[in-house]
Amino acid sequence: MIMYDDLEPSEKVKVYDKGVTVNKNGSNGVYDMLVGYRTGDMWAPKLSSTEALHTEMSHFRECIEQNKQSITSGEIGLRVVQILEAANRSMEQQGQPVELRWERIPV
């Protein structure tokens, strides 16, 4: 299980070693299900503490100064906004699925 907490000053990402195993023990074709729960360690990878907006703006400036292609595009940004809007509509409809239609944006 992976958890992300943006408000946590350190250990924003935590990886928990948890799981379930199902063992089948049977005789003569009759199975008894035995469920085993596993709880292990937690691992928190070290992440950069640099503000995400600062990293984004540094990349943007670098693209302008060095005439580079950006990692993402306006089209990708639009798709992110469309996904967020669809998620909002879904929540307003008590979790009903909302269809997304991708249209190519003319350049």
Foldseek 3Di string as FASTA:
>chain_A
DWAADPVDQWLRIKDWPKDKDWDWDDDPPDTDIDIDIDGDDMDRDGDDNDDPVVVVVVQVVCCVVVVHDGPDDVLVVVVVVVVVVQVVVCVVVVNDHDDDDDDDDDD
